[in-house]
Amino acid sequence: MRDVTRVLVVDDQVLLRGSFRILVENEPGLTAVGEAGDGAEAVELARLHRPDVVLMDVRMPVMDGIEATRRICGSPETAGVRVLILTTFDLDEYVYAALRAGAAGFLLKDSPPAEVLAAIRVVATGDSLLAPSVTRRLVEEFTRRPDPAPGRGAASLAGVTEREREVLELIARGLSNDEITARLHLSMGTVKTHIGRLLSKLAARDRAQLVIAAYESGVVSPSDGGLGTH
């Protein structure tokens, strides 16, 4: 990560887009490299500026934020760009699709400014921002799908150790690294090592995709009762 985190702001509402840009530019260590009013423009500016983080709206004209995220995260030119999805609704039907497209996080537009800035920093460091409400949203998505993942199964866990499977299950249930260390009585370094190996073995981009992999491979199922209120 650079000394200054470079942010691209994408939203079709001019006033909101400008507000996010001002918020970013007034924060030490962050700078806005541009604005885009639709997904197609976002893809072009991401290629041009290679920002660290894209604040990406979902519902936009020309190209929506899901397709723009898929193109940014899927292109070798912009593979290092992290996308933080912004949406108005906590139960946005596109949350699952956004994470599948490669988004590193999900944030409500009405989040306090401090939370928005913290989210940008978290995502810029290479971590994912997956709030418990989003994890629960994934559970709900799988509940509605009788066969959520025809392309995955137990075979996708080949090479995953029993301990790594335990870590994966806890990640899927929304536990933080600190909570996982306490639950499994492991050091933080050991937990991070397990997570790194899971990312490699499951070809997952980040923690958000580990959650998806856990449900698609059957490590956790919606019928297990999920996350409770965590």
Foldseek 3Di string as FASTA:
>chain_A
DDQAAEEEEEAQDPVLSVVVQVLQCVDPRYHYPYYYNALVVVLVVCLVPLGLEYAAEADGPPHGRLVSLLNQCVDPSNVNHAYEYEYQDLLPVCLVSNVVSPHQYYDYSPDPSVVVVVQSVCVSVQAGHQAQSSLVSVQVVQVPPPQPAPPEEQVLCVPQDPVLLVLLLVLSLPDDLVRVCVVVVHDSVVSVVSLVVLCVSNVNSYSSVSNVNCDNHVSDHSVVVGHPPD
